Amino acid sequence: MANRVHAPGMPQRHGIIIISCYNSVFPEGNYGFSANPLWAKTFLPHPDIERQYMKRNVDLNEITDGRFYTVNDMVRADCQDCVGCSKCCHEMVDTIILDPLDIFRLTKTLNTNFDALLASGKTELNVVDGIVLPNLKLQEDTKRCAFLNDAGRCTVHSARPGFCRMFPLGRYYADRSFSYILQTKECPKARTKIKVARWLDTGLLPQNQKFVGEWHYFLEDLATALTDTDNETAHRVQLYLLHAFYRTEYRVPDEAGFYKEFDTRLAKAKTLLPSAP
């Protein structure tokens, strides 16, 4: 398996197709739920589209300082609270892919649900290496993140996505694990040193890092398995994935509860979905 780099500002998606004229009722799958034709018509790509994949060959020496970091390392990433700058909130918005924890945080903070968040136009669905996933949506009129206010400050800062939290860091995946890298060409601010764990600003960090790795490799394995399936089966799998991990609310009071519920859902998904050879 090739090593992978995930970092804000780097293109993570390919084959961007959002269909609003879905003309057939999507068949119900055998995954323990009923497909919602209206929801699929509004938000999902058509099942007959050619599934496309993006292979990224990245020279880390060109985009990073050449080092790999753990959460306990010091890194020159501190942008001093981004005072006077919101460049990354304008140019990188639609590369911010949202994982289930991101959606849990946003929906809880905004007192909404996943479907309403999509309908608001602040997020959207796109194809990411063969998997349909949500991302922040670039606002066409302002060319910036919908959560950015007129003063250039984030209105959901306490619930900001994981990619936003770690920028200008990125993640380097290899050998079923990951480490952090520092992007040296993305942020124009003069940066000072800070501990990676502090910069991530995430509670329950051990559980969080476990979740990040498990979610990444689950999606990677699933994408590999789907390359050998027909489009209709792949579409049913996409519906299940979105239903199980995004549309079905996590009715828990805090992130500790989220991680427990996620583990339960992941274990079930692994028994139902195609597995990589």
Protein backbone atom coordinates (compact mmCIF):
# COMPACT_ATOMS: atom_id res chain seq x y z
CA MET A 1 0.00 0.00 0.00
CA ALA A 2 1.36 3.37 -1.01
CA ASN A 3 2.06 5.97 1.61
CA ARG A 4 -0.48 8.78 1.74
CA VAL A 5 -0.39 12.43 2.69
CA HIS A 6 -3.49 14.25 3.93
CA ALA A 7 -3.09 17.95 4.48
CA PRO A 8 -5.30 21.02 4.21
CA GLY A 9 -4.73 22.77 0.91
CA MET A 10 -3.76 19.59 -0.91
CA PRO A 11 -6.35 18.27 -3.37
CA GLN A 12 -7.94 15.18 -1.83
CA ARG A 13 -10.81 14.65 -4.23
CA HIS A 14 -11.40 13.84 -7.85
CA GLY A 15 -14.44 13.32 -10.04
CA ILE A 16 -16.51 16.04 -8.38
CA ILE A 17 -20.10 15.27 -9.30
CA ILE A 18 -23.20 16.46 -7.46
CA ILE A 19 -26.38 15.41 -9.22
CA SER A 20 -29.69 17.20 -8.65
CA CYS A 21 -31.66 15.35 -11.34
CA TYR A 22 -31.56 11.76 -10.13
CA ASN A 23 -34.32 10.15 -12.20
CA SER A 24 -34.62 6.69 -10.68
CA VAL A 25 -35.42 5.35 -7.25
CA PHE A 26 -32.32 3.87 -5.71
CA PRO A 27 -32.89 0.22 -4.67
CA GLU A 28 -32.80 -0.69 -1.02
CA GLY A 29 -29.61 -2.37 0.05
CA ASN A 30 -29.04 -5.26 2.42
CA TYR A 31 -27.31 -3.12 5.00
CA GLY A 32 -30.00 -2.76 7.66
CA PHE A 33 -31.59 0.50 6.46
CA SER A 34 -33.88 1.80 3.73
CA ALA A 35 -32.48 4.19 1.14
CA ASN A 36 -34.18 7.58 1.00
CA PRO A 37 -34.76 8.39 -2.70
CA LEU A 38 -35.35 12.10 -2.09
CA TRP A 39 -32.15 12.46 -0.06
CA ALA A 40 -30.16 10.57 -2.70
CA LYS A 41 -31.71 12.70 -5.44
CA THR A 42 -30.63 15.87 -3.69
CA PHE A 43 -27.12 15.08 -2.56
CA LEU A 44 -25.56 11.98 -4.12
CA PRO A 45 -23.75 11.25 -7.38
CA HIS A 46 -25.58 9.00 -9.84
CA PRO A 47 -24.78 5.27 -9.40
CA ASP A 48 -23.77 4.94 -13.06
CA ILE A 49 -20.94 7.48 -12.93
CA GLU A 50 -17.45 6.15 -13.46
CA ARG A 51 -15.74 5.97 -10.12
CA GLN A 52 -12.46 7.85 -10.28
CA TYR A 53 -9.42 7.87 -8.06
CA MET A 54 -6.58 10.26 -7.40
CA LYS A 55 -3.07 8.93 -6.92
CA ARG A 56 -0.78 11.53 -5.43
CA ASN A 57 2.97 11.40 -5.83
CA VAL A 58 4.27 13.98 -3.38
CA ASP A 59 7.88 14.91 -2.80
CA LEU A 60 7.83 15.67 0.90
CA ASN A 61 11.09 17.58 0.62
CA GLU A 62 9.32 20.12 -1.58
CA ILE A 63 6.35 20.80 0.69
CA THR A 64 7.65 20.09 4.20
CA ASP A 65 10.69 20.61 6.39
CA GLY A 66 11.58 16.95 5.87
CA ARG A 67 10.69 15.84 9.40
CA PHE A 68 8.02 13.57 10.85
CA TYR A 69 6.42 14.61 14.13
CA THR A 70 4.58 12.88 16.96
CA VAL A 71 2.10 14.58 19.27
CA ASN A 72 4.90 15.02 21.83
CA ASP A 73 7.26 16.90 19.52
CA MET A 74 7.78 20.64 19.21
CA VAL A 75 6.99 22.05 15.78
CA ARG A 76 7.10 25.52 14.23
CA ALA A 77 3.35 25.71 13.61
CA ASP A 78 2.00 28.38 15.97
CA CYS A 79 0.47 31.18 13.89
CA GLN A 80 -0.33 33.36 16.95
CA ASP A 81 -4.08 32.84 16.69
CA CYS A 82 -4.05 33.88 13.02
CA VAL A 83 -4.38 37.53 14.01
CA GLY A 84 -4.98 39.63 10.92
CA CYS A 85 -5.02 36.63 8.57
CA SER A 86 -7.67 34.23 7.29
CA LYS A 87 -5.98 33.19 4.04
CA CYS A 88 -6.47 29.48 4.63
CA CYS A 89 -10.21 30.04 5.20
CA HIS A 90 -10.50 31.46 1.70
CA GLU A 91 -8.36 29.28 -0.50
CA MET A 92 -8.50 25.80 1.03
CA VAL A 93 -12.12 25.47 2.13
CA ASP A 94 -13.27 22.71 -0.18
CA THR A 95 -10.19 20.58 0.57
CA ILE A 96 -11.33 20.31 4.21
CA ILE A 97 -12.83 16.82 4.27
CA LEU A 98 -15.09 16.18 7.25
CA ASP A 99 -14.90 12.98 9.26
CA PRO A 100 -17.66 11.73 11.62
CA LEU A 101 -16.11 13.54 14.60
CA ASP A 102 -16.13 16.82 12.68
CA ILE A 103 -19.83 16.40 11.94
CA PHE A 104 -20.54 15.45 15.56
CA ARG A 105 -18.85 18.61 16.78
CA LEU A 106 -20.47 20.90 14.23
CA THR A 107 -23.99 19.56 14.58
CA LYS A 108 -23.79 19.62 18.37
CA THR A 109 -22.45 23.19 18.45
CA LEU A 110 -24.96 24.45 15.87
CA ASN A 111 -27.85 22.39 17.27
CA THR A 112 -28.59 20.86 13.88
CA ASN A 113 -28.17 17.58 12.03
CA PHE A 114 -26.19 16.33 9.06
CA ASP A 115 -28.97 16.69 6.50
CA ALA A 116 -29.68 20.27 7.59
CA LEU A 117 -25.97 21.07 7.46
CA LEU A 118 -25.86 19.88 3.86
CA ALA A 119 -29.05 21.76 2.99
CA SER A 120 -27.58 24.96 4.45
CA GLY A 121 -24.99 25.06 1.68
CA LYS A 122 -22.13 25.23 4.17
CA THR A 123 -21.04 21.67 3.42
CA GLU A 124 -21.35 19.40 0.39
CA LEU A 125 -20.62 15.86 -0.77
CA ASN A 126 -17.84 14.98 -3.18
CA VAL A 127 -15.99 11.89 -4.36
CA VAL A 128 -12.72 11.40 -2.49
CA ASP A 129 -10.63 8.57 -3.92
CA GLY A 130 -13.77 6.65 -4.79
CA ILE A 131 -15.66 7.32 -1.53
CA VAL A 132 -18.43 9.91 -1.16
CA LEU A 133 -17.55 12.15 1.80
CA PRO A 134 -18.58 15.60 3.05
CA ASN A 135 -16.36 18.66 2.94
CA LEU A 136 -16.66 22.34 3.75
CA LYS A 137 -18.13 24.23 0.80
CA LEU A 138 -16.49 27.28 -0.72
CA GLN A 139 -19.05 30.09 -0.89
CA GLU A 140 -19.33 31.27 -4.48
CA ASP A 141 -20.16 34.87 -3.64
CA THR A 142 -17.43 35.50 -1.06
CA LYS A 143 -14.92 32.78 -2.04
CA ARG A 144 -14.45 31.87 1.60
CA CYS A 145 -15.67 29.47 4.29
CA ALA A 146 -19.29 30.00 5.31
CA PHE A 147 -18.28 29.90 8.95
CA LEU A 148 -15.96 32.90 8.62
CA ASN A 149 -17.42 36.20 9.85
CA ASP A 150 -16.83 39.67 8.40
CA ALA A 151 -13.94 40.22 10.79
CA GLY A 152 -12.18 37.17 9.38
CA ARG A 153 -12.72 35.05 12.49
CA CYS A 154 -14.13 31.52 12.71
CA THR A 155 -17.64 31.40 14.18
CA VAL A 156 -17.33 27.69 15.07
CA HIS A 157 -13.75 27.76 16.32
CA SER A 158 -14.39 25.42 19.26
CA ALA A 159 -15.95 22.91 16.83
CA ARG A 160 -13.66 23.52 13.85
CA PRO A 161 -12.76 20.42 11.80
CA GLY A 162 -9.68 18.35 12.46
CA PHE A 163 -7.94 19.57 9.30
CA CYS A 164 -8.46 23.17 10.41
CA ARG A 165 -7.08 22.37 13.86
CA MET A 166 -3.82 20.93 12.61
CA PHE A 167 -3.05 23.35 9.75
CA PRO A 168 -0.28 24.04 8.72
CA LEU A 169 0.42 20.47 9.79
CA GLY A 170 -0.64 17.50 7.71
CA ARG A 171 -0.74 13.75 8.26
CA TYR A 172 1.56 11.21 6.64
CA TYR A 173 0.10 7.69 6.58
CA ALA A 174 2.28 4.59 6.37
CA ASP A 175 2.33 1.05 7.80
CA ARG A 176 -1.22 1.33 9.26
CA SER A 177 -0.18 4.32 11.35
CA PHE A 178 0.47 8.01 10.79
CA SER A 179 2.71 10.88 11.80
CA TYR A 180 2.52 14.63 11.35
CA ILE A 181 4.35 16.76 8.81
CA LEU A 182 4.83 20.52 8.67
CA GLN A 183 3.80 22.20 5.42
CA THR A 184 6.24 25.01 4.78
CA LYS A 185 4.63 26.71 1.79
CA GLU A 186 0.97 27.03 2.80
CA CYS A 187 0.82 29.54 5.66
CA PRO A 188 2.22 33.08 5.15
CA LYS A 189 2.40 33.83 8.89
CA ALA A 190 5.67 33.85 10.84
CA ARG A 191 5.38 30.80 13.06
CA THR A 192 6.80 29.93 16.46
CA LYS A 193 7.34 26.56 18.10
CA ILE A 194 4.57 24.75 19.91
CA LYS A 195 3.99 21.19 21.03
CA VAL A 196 1.98 19.23 18.44
CA ALA A 197 -0.48 18.03 21.08
CA ARG A 198 -1.19 21.58 22.18
CA TRP A 199 -1.54 22.83 18.62
CA LEU A 200 -4.14 20.15 17.82
CA ASP A 201 -6.28 21.54 20.64
CA THR A 202 -8.19 18.28 20.98
CA GLY A 203 -9.34 16.67 24.20
CA LEU A 204 -9.01 12.93 24.80
CA LEU A 205 -6.03 12.94 22.47
CA PRO A 206 -5.19 9.20 22.68
CA GLN A 207 -8.77 8.30 21.70
CA ASN A 208 -8.68 10.94 18.99
CA GLN A 209 -5.49 9.63 17.41
CA LYS A 210 -6.87 6.09 17.49
CA PHE A 211 -10.04 7.31 15.78
CA VAL A 212 -8.10 9.22 13.09
CA GLY A 213 -6.04 6.20 12.15
CA GLU A 214 -8.92 3.73 12.21
CA TRP A 215 -11.16 5.94 10.08
CA HIS A 216 -8.45 6.59 7.49
CA TYR A 217 -7.50 2.95 7.03
CA PHE A 218 -11.12 1.80 7.05
CA LEU A 219 -11.84 4.17 4.15
CA GLU A 220 -8.65 3.17 2.36
CA ASP A 221 -9.49 -0.54 2.64
CA LEU A 222 -13.06 0.10 1.54
CA ALA A 223 -11.96 2.12 -1.50
CA THR A 224 -9.68 -0.75 -2.52
CA ALA A 225 -12.52 -3.26 -2.15
CA LEU A 226 -14.91 -1.10 -4.18
CA THR A 227 -12.63 -1.09 -7.22
CA ASP A 228 -13.81 -4.65 -7.90
CA THR A 229 -17.55 -3.99 -7.47
CA ASP A 230 -20.19 -2.78 -9.91
CA ASN A 231 -21.45 0.79 -9.67
CA GLU A 232 -24.84 -0.14 -8.21
CA THR A 233 -23.26 -2.08 -5.35
CA ALA A 234 -20.77 0.72 -4.77
CA HIS A 235 -23.62 3.22 -4.61
CA ARG A 236 -25.46 1.13 -1.99
CA VAL A 237 -22.26 0.97 0.03
CA GLN A 238 -21.90 4.75 -0.21
CA LEU A 239 -25.43 5.19 1.11
CA TYR A 240 -24.75 2.87 4.01
CA LEU A 241 -21.50 4.64 4.85
CA LEU A 242 -23.16 8.05 4.96
CA HIS A 243 -26.16 6.72 6.85
CA ALA A 244 -24.18 4.80 9.47
CA PHE A 245 -21.44 7.33 10.19
CA TYR A 246 -22.90 10.73 9.29
CA ARG A 247 -26.70 10.86 8.95
CA THR A 248 -27.48 8.79 12.04
CA GLU A 249 -27.00 11.13 14.97
CA TYR A 250 -24.61 10.31 17.79
CA ARG A 251 -26.98 10.77 20.72
CA VAL A 252 -24.23 11.07 23.30
CA PRO A 253 -23.37 14.00 25.57
CA ASP A 254 -19.67 14.35 24.81
CA GLU A 255 -16.72 13.19 22.75
CA ALA A 256 -15.98 10.28 25.07
CA GLY A 257 -19.41 8.96 24.16
CA PHE A 258 -18.77 9.66 20.50
CA TYR A 259 -15.63 7.52 20.42
CA LYS A 260 -17.44 4.59 22.06
CA GLU A 261 -20.37 4.85 19.65
CA PHE A 262 -18.04 5.19 16.68
CA ASP A 263 -16.19 2.01 17.67
CA THR A 264 -19.52 0.16 17.78
CA ARG A 265 -20.57 1.44 14.36
CA LEU A 266 -17.16 0.70 12.84
CA ALA A 267 -17.19 -2.87 14.12
CA LYS A 268 -20.64 -3.42 12.60
CA ALA A 269 -19.66 -1.81 9.30
CA LYS A 270 -16.65 -4.09 8.96
CA THR A 271 -18.96 -7.12 9.10
CA LEU A 272 -21.35 -5.75 6.46
CA LEU A 273 -19.23 -3.95 3.90
CA PRO A 274 -16.89 -5.42 1.26
CA SER A 275 -13.38 -5.95 2.55
CA ALA A 276 -10.14 -5.38 0.71
CA PRO A 277 -8.37 -8.48 -0.63
